[in-house]
C-alpha atoms as a PDB file:
ATOM      1  CA  MET A   1    -247.228 114.063  25.583  1.00  0.00           C
ATOM      2  CA  VAL A   2    -248.304 111.000  23.654  1.00  0.00           C
ATOM      3  CA  GLY A   3    -247.903 107.714  25.489  1.00  0.00           C
ATOM      4  CA  PHE A   4    -247.542 109.232  28.945  1.00  0.00           C
ATOM      5  CA  GLN A   5    -249.585 106.701  30.916  1.00  0.00           C
ATOM      6  CA  THR A   6    -248.931 106.936  34.605  1.00  0.00           C
ATOM      7  CA  LYS A   7    -250.390 106.653  38.089  1.00  0.00           C
ATOM      8  CA  MET A   8    -248.812 109.966  39.073  1.00  0.00           C
ATOM      9  CA  ARG A   9    -251.199 112.694  40.197  1.00  0.00           C
ATOM     10  CA  TYR A  10    -251.720 115.577  37.780  1.00  0.00           C
ATOM     11  CA  GLY A  11    -249.902 118.129  39.969  1.00  0.00           C
ATOM     12  CA  ILE A  12    -246.776 115.953  40.121  1.00  0.00           C
ATOM     13  CA  GLN A  13    -246.903 115.368  36.358  1.00  0.00           C
ATOM     14  CA  ALA A  14    -247.085 119.108  35.684  1.00  0.00           C
ATOM     15  CA  GLU A  15    -244.195 119.674  38.105  1.00  0.00           C
ATOM     16  CA  ILE A  16    -242.026 117.130  36.292  1.00  0.00           C
ATOM     17  CA  PHE A  17    -242.891 118.472  32.836  1.00  0.00           C
ATOM     18  CA  ARG A  18    -242.030 122.009  33.975  1.00  0.00           C
ATOM     19  CA  MET A  19    -238.495 120.778  34.752  1.00  0.00           C
ATOM     20  CA  ILE A  20    -237.970 120.372  30.993  1.00  0.00           C
ATOM     21  CA  PRO A  21    -236.253 123.482  29.582  1.00  0.00           C
ATOM     22  CA  GLY A  22    -238.823 125.648  27.808  1.00  0.00           C
ATOM     23  CA  LEU A  23    -241.840 124.179  29.607  1.00  0.00           C
ATOM     24  CA  GLN A  24    -241.452 126.138  32.868  1.00  0.00           C
ATOM     25  CA  ASN A  25    -244.562 128.229  32.158  1.00  0.00           C
ATOM     26  CA  ALA A  26    -246.480 125.728  30.052  1.00  0.00           C
ATOM     27  CA  GLN A  27    -250.175 125.189  30.492  1.00  0.00           C
ATOM     28  CA  PHE A  28    -251.286 121.592  29.986  1.00  0.00           C
ATOM     29  CA  ALA A  29    -254.653 120.898  28.364  1.00  0.00           C
ATOM     30  CA  ARG A  30    -254.642 117.289  29.488  1.00  0.00           C
ATOM     31  CA  LEU A  31    -252.263 115.193  31.550  1.00  0.00           C
ATOM     32  CA  GLY A  32    -251.657 111.467  31.430  1.00  0.00           C
ATOM     33  CA  GLY A  33    -253.483 108.692  33.176  1.00  0.00           C
ATOM     34  CA  LEU A  34    -253.817 104.952  33.043  1.00  0.00           C
ATOM     35  CA  HIS A  35    -256.357 103.555  30.681  1.00  0.00           C
ATOM     36  CA  ARG A  36    -258.000 100.183  30.718  1.00  0.00           C
ATOM     37  CA  ASN A  37    -258.603  98.217  27.567  1.00  0.00           C
ATOM     38  CA  THR A  38    -261.685  96.070  27.398  1.00  0.00           C
ATOM     39  CA  PHE A  39    -261.165  92.700  25.735  1.00  0.00           C
ATOM     40  CA  ILE A  40    -262.894  89.355  25.537  1.00  0.00           C
ATOM     41  CA  ASN A  41    -261.376  86.086  26.728  1.00  0.00           C
ATOM     42  CA  SER A  42    -260.562  85.174  23.125  1.00  0.00           C
ATOM     43  CA  PRO A  43    -258.888  81.786  23.738  1.00  0.00           C
ATOM     44  CA  LYS A  44    -262.034  80.627  25.473  1.00  0.00           C
ATOM     45  CA  VAL A  45    -264.691  82.153  23.198  1.00  0.00           C
ATOM     46  CA  LEU A  46    -263.118  82.427  19.714  1.00  0.00           C
ATOM     47  CA  SER A  47    -262.244  79.724  17.215  1.00  0.00           C
ATOM     48  CA  ALA A  48    -259.052  79.862  15.132  1.00  0.00           C
ATOM     49  CA  ASP A  49    -260.877  81.823  12.399  1.00  0.00           C
ATOM     50  CA  LEU A  50    -261.980  84.510  14.907  1.00  0.00           C
ATOM     51  CA  LYS A  51    -265.585  83.277  15.051  1.00  0.00           C
ATOM     52  CA  LEU A  52    -267.540  83.164  18.266  1.00  0.00           C
ATOM     53  CA  LYS A  53    -267.638  79.492  19.271  1.00  0.00           C
ATOM     54  CA  VAL A  54    -271.234  79.644  20.523  1.00  0.00           C
ATOM     55  CA  ASP A  55    -272.528  81.530  17.443  1.00  0.00           C
ATOM     56  CA  THR A  56    -270.389  81.096  14.329  1.00  0.00           C
ATOM     57  CA  ARG A  57    -272.263  83.872  12.527  1.00  0.00           C
ATOM     58  CA  ILE A  58    -270.270  86.379  14.596  1.00  0.00           C
ATOM     59  CA  ARG A  59    -266.585  87.246  14.186  1.00  0.00           C
ATOM     60  CA  PHE A  60    -264.542  89.606  16.310  1.00  0.00           C
ATOM     61  CA  ALA A  61    -261.677  91.843  15.271  1.00  0.00           C
ATOM     62  CA  GLY A  62    -259.227  94.373  16.589  1.00  0.00           C
ATOM     63  CA  GLN A  63    -258.444  95.467  20.107  1.00  0.00           C
ATOM     64  CA  VAL A  64    -261.468  93.781  21.692  1.00  0.00           C
ATOM     65  CA  THR A  65    -259.929  90.384  20.775  1.00  0.00           C
ATOM     66  CA  GLY A  66    -256.857  91.041  22.899  1.00  0.00           C
ATOM     67  CA  VAL A  67    -254.656  92.346  20.100  1.00  0.00           C
ATOM     68  CA  GLU A  68    -252.541  95.291  21.240  1.00  0.00           C
ATOM     69  CA  GLY A  69    -251.241  98.070  19.028  1.00  0.00           C
ATOM     70  CA  TYR A  70    -252.631 100.169  16.202  1.00  0.00           C
ATOM     71  CA  VAL A  71    -251.074  98.148  13.380  1.00  0.00           C
ATOM     72  CA  GLU A  72    -251.975  94.827  14.993  1.00  0.00           C
ATOM     73  CA  SER A  73    -255.583  95.911  15.605  1.00  0.00           C
ATOM     74  CA  ALA A  74    -255.968  97.151  12.030  1.00  0.00           C
ATOM     75  CA  ALA A  75    -254.414  93.961  10.633  1.00  0.00           C
ATOM     76  CA  CYS A  76    -256.755  91.833  12.741  1.00  0.00           C
ATOM     77  CA  GLY A  77    -259.698  93.840  11.396  1.00  0.00           C
ATOM     78  CA  LEU A  78    -258.537  93.432   7.812  1.00  0.00           C
ATOM     79  CA  ILE A  79    -258.052  89.676   8.097  1.00  0.00           C
ATOM     80  CA  THR A  80    -261.445  89.324   9.796  1.00  0.00           C
ATOM     81  CA  GLY A  81    -263.017  91.284   6.954  1.00  0.00           C
ATOM     82  CA  ARG A  82    -261.326  89.101   4.331  1.00  0.00           C
ATOM     83  CA  LEU A  83    -262.350  85.887   6.105  1.00  0.00           C
ATOM     84  CA  THR A  84    -265.935  87.126   6.268  1.00  0.00           C
ATOM     85  CA  ALA A  85    -265.970  88.296   2.645  1.00  0.00           C
ATOM     86  CA  ALA A  86    -264.608  84.966   1.405  1.00  0.00           C
ATOM     87  CA  GLU A  87    -267.294  83.122   3.333  1.00  0.00           C
ATOM     88  CA  ALA A  88    -270.048  85.476   2.097  1.00  0.00           C
ATOM     89  CA  LEU A  89    -268.946  84.776  -1.484  1.00  0.00           C
ATOM     90  CA  GLY A  90    -269.301  81.051  -0.905  1.00  0.00           C
ATOM     91  CA  GLY A  91    -265.603  80.348  -0.532  1.00  0.00           C
ATOM     92  CA  SER A  92    -263.207  80.063   2.312  1.00  0.00           C
ATOM     93  CA  MET A  93    -259.866  81.446   3.352  1.00  0.00           C
ATOM     94  CA  ASP A  94    -257.281  80.269   5.831  1.00  0.00           C
ATOM     95  CA  VAL A  95    -255.817  82.561   8.456  1.00  0.00           C
ATOM     96  CA  PRO A  96    -252.144  83.340   7.853  1.00  0.00           C
ATOM     97  CA  PRO A  97    -249.679  80.643   8.972  1.00  0.00           C
ATOM     98  CA  MET A  98    -248.478  80.643  12.594  1.00  0.00           C
ATOM     99  CA  THR A  99    -244.996  81.398  11.269  1.00  0.00           C
ATOM    100  CA  THR A 100    -246.094  84.891  10.156  1.00  0.00           C
ATOM    101  CA  ALA A 101    -246.589  87.881  12.425  1.00  0.00           C
ATOM    102  CA  LEU A 102    -250.364  88.043  12.015  1.00  0.00           C
ATOM    103  CA  GLY A 103    -250.750  84.266  12.134  1.00  0.00           C
ATOM    104  CA  ALA A 104    -248.711  84.056  15.356  1.00  0.00           C
ATOM    105  CA  LEU A 105    -250.757  86.842  16.924  1.00  0.00           C
ATOM    106  CA  ILE A 106    -254.071  85.247  15.911  1.00  0.00           C
ATOM    107  CA  GLY A 107    -252.754  81.958  17.253  1.00  0.00           C
ATOM    108  CA  HIS A 108    -252.006  83.654  20.561  1.00  0.00           C
ATOM    109  CA  ILE A 109    -255.434  85.218  20.956  1.00  0.00           C
ATOM    110  CA  THR A 110    -257.339  82.113  19.865  1.00  0.00           C
ATOM    111  CA  GLY A 111    -255.638  79.723  22.228  1.00  0.00           C
ATOM    112  CA  GLY A 112    -252.116  79.159  21.000  1.00  0.00           C
ATOM    113  CA  HIS A 113    -250.683  81.149  23.890  1.00  0.00           C
ATOM    114  CA  VAL A 114    -249.249  79.562  26.986  1.00  0.00           C
ATOM    115  CA  GLU A 115    -251.664  80.148  29.817  1.00  0.00           C
ATOM    116  CA  ALA A 116    -249.864  81.405  32.868  1.00  0.00           C
ATOM    117  CA  GLU A 117    -251.011  80.944  36.428  1.00  0.00           C
ATOM    118  CA  SER A 118    -251.665  84.273  38.108  1.00  0.00           C
ATOM    119  CA  TYR A 119    -250.899  84.920  41.756  1.00  0.00           C
ATOM    120  CA  SER A 120    -254.498  83.983  42.597  1.00  0.00           C
ATOM    121  CA  GLY A 121    -254.150  80.630  40.876  1.00  0.00           C
ATOM    122  CA  ALA A 122    -256.585  81.582  38.100  1.00  0.00           C
ATOM    123  CA  ARG A 123    -255.645  81.182  34.460  1.00  0.00           C
ATOM    124  CA  SER A 124    -255.331  84.495  32.673  1.00  0.00           C
ATOM    125  CA  PHE A 125    -255.275  85.778  29.132  1.00  0.00           C
ATOM    126  CA  GLN A 126    -253.622  89.120  28.475  1.00  0.00           C
ATOM    127  CA  PRO A 127    -253.563  91.234  25.309  1.00  0.00           C
ATOM    128  CA  MET A 128    -250.394  91.057  23.219  1.00  0.00           C
ATOM    129  CA  ASN A 129    -248.476  92.937  20.541  1.00  0.00           C
ATOM    130  CA  VAL A 130    -246.614  91.071  17.834  1.00  0.00           C
ATOM    131  CA  ASN A 131    -243.239  89.971  19.201  1.00  0.00           C
ATOM    132  CA  PHE A 132    -240.663  87.316  18.417  1.00  0.00           C
ATOM    133  CA  GLY A 133    -241.774  85.250  21.419  1.00  0.00           C
ATOM    134  CA  LEU A 134    -245.045  84.397  19.646  1.00  0.00           C
ATOM    135  CA  PHE A 135    -243.391  82.692  16.680  1.00  0.00           C
ATOM    136  CA  PRO A 136    -242.694  78.969  16.552  1.00  0.00           C
ATOM    137  CA  GLU A 137    -239.088  78.190  17.482  1.00  0.00           C
ATOM    138  CA  VAL A 138    -236.489  78.159  14.758  1.00  0.00           C
ATOM    139  CA  THR A 139    -233.127  76.381  14.866  1.00  0.00           C
ATOM    140  CA  VAL A 140    -230.068  78.316  13.778  1.00  0.00           C
ATOM    141  CA  GLU A 141    -226.689  76.684  13.283  1.00  0.00           C
ATOM    142  CA  LYS A 142    -223.661  78.155  15.015  1.00  0.00           C
ATOM    143  CA  PRO A 143    -221.277  79.677  12.457  1.00  0.00           C
ATOM    144  CA  GLU A 144    -218.194  77.594  11.746  1.00  0.00           C
ATOM    145  CA  GLY A 145    -215.157  78.585  13.777  1.00  0.00           C
ATOM    146  CA  VAL A 146    -217.156  80.324  16.494  1.00  0.00           C
ATOM    147  CA  LYS A 147    -216.564  78.821  19.945  1.00  0.00           C
ATOM    148  CA  ARG A 148    -219.150  80.643  22.033  1.00  0.00           C
ATOM    149  CA  TRP A 149    -222.245  81.843  20.265  1.00  0.00           C
ATOM    150  CA  ARG A 150    -224.707  83.811  22.335  1.00  0.00           C
ATOM    151  CA  GLY A 151    -225.939  87.288  22.931  1.00  0.00           C
ATOM    152  CA  PRO A 152    -226.885  89.791  20.238  1.00  0.00           C
ATOM    153  CA  GLU A 153    -225.334  87.876  17.330  1.00  0.00           C
ATOM    154  CA  LYS A 154    -227.299  84.708  18.090  1.00  0.00           C
ATOM    155  CA  THR A 155    -230.493  86.688  18.760  1.00  0.00           C
ATOM    156  CA  MET A 156    -230.189  88.551  15.463  1.00  0.00           C
ATOM    157  CA  ALA A 157    -229.472  85.321  13.558  1.00  0.00           C
ATOM    158  CA  LYS A 158    -232.631  83.765  15.027  1.00  0.00           C
ATOM    159  CA  ARG A 159    -234.676  86.846  14.181  1.00  0.00           C
ATOM    160  CA  ARG A 160    -233.385  86.837  10.599  1.00  0.00           C
ATOM    161  CA  ALA A 161    -234.327  83.165  10.318  1.00  0.00           C
ATOM    162  CA  ILE A 162    -237.799  83.813  11.763  1.00  0.00           C
ATOM    163  CA  THR A 163    -238.468  86.742   9.435  1.00  0.00           C
ATOM    164  CA  GLY A 164    -237.087  84.905   6.403  1.00  0.00           C
ATOM    165  CA  ARG A 165    -239.324  81.929   7.115  1.00  0.00           C
ATOM    166  CA  ALA A 166    -242.279  84.283   7.679  1.00  0.00           C
ATOM    167  CA  LEU A 167    -241.787  85.967   4.291  1.00  0.00           C
ATOM    168  CA  GLU A 168    -241.601  82.634   2.480  1.00  0.00           C
ATOM    169  CA  ASP A 169    -244.672  81.282   4.276  1.00  0.00           C
ATOM    170  CA  LEU A 170    -246.586  84.510   3.674  1.00  0.00           C
ATOM    171  CA  LYS A 171    -245.875  84.316  -0.078  1.00  0.00           C
ATOM    172  CA  ALA A 172    -247.106  80.723  -0.159  1.00  0.00           C
ATOM    173  CA  TRP A 173    -250.238  81.645   1.825  1.00  0.00           C
ATOM    174  CA  ALA A 174    -251.033  84.684  -0.344  1.00  0.00           C
END
């Protein structure tokens, strides 16, 4: 079962899976378990263009930067490759704007995130997928004639505004 990451012991997992109709006599080749991703403290060690602050000849990409998800990791790798290629050819290239999905994610991993205090009082950086919380705020006007505007309608209006702005900014960047 893809994505079955759990702390449950293997025997309990097998028991639960055998409750599913048709799996009563199944044999499992491998059961789920927690995995731990290894990642660097990107906000502390990487510059905005994904270069190592102490040695700008080195760039990082993908999951090790604190980017979560297959698409996000691949996109981070591609942008790192393009930044490096542009530099190798004697030019330069900007990272995507913070208003785009990849730009917001790169901004998060390179220091644009809000550092939260952990229970121990230490600052922490945690890997992140692309999500609407990473984008800069957008203001959306309440539709005329609507008294109370909240909930799903307001959320969807904000998301449409964020994605519309992202597409326009991405075109300008490209």
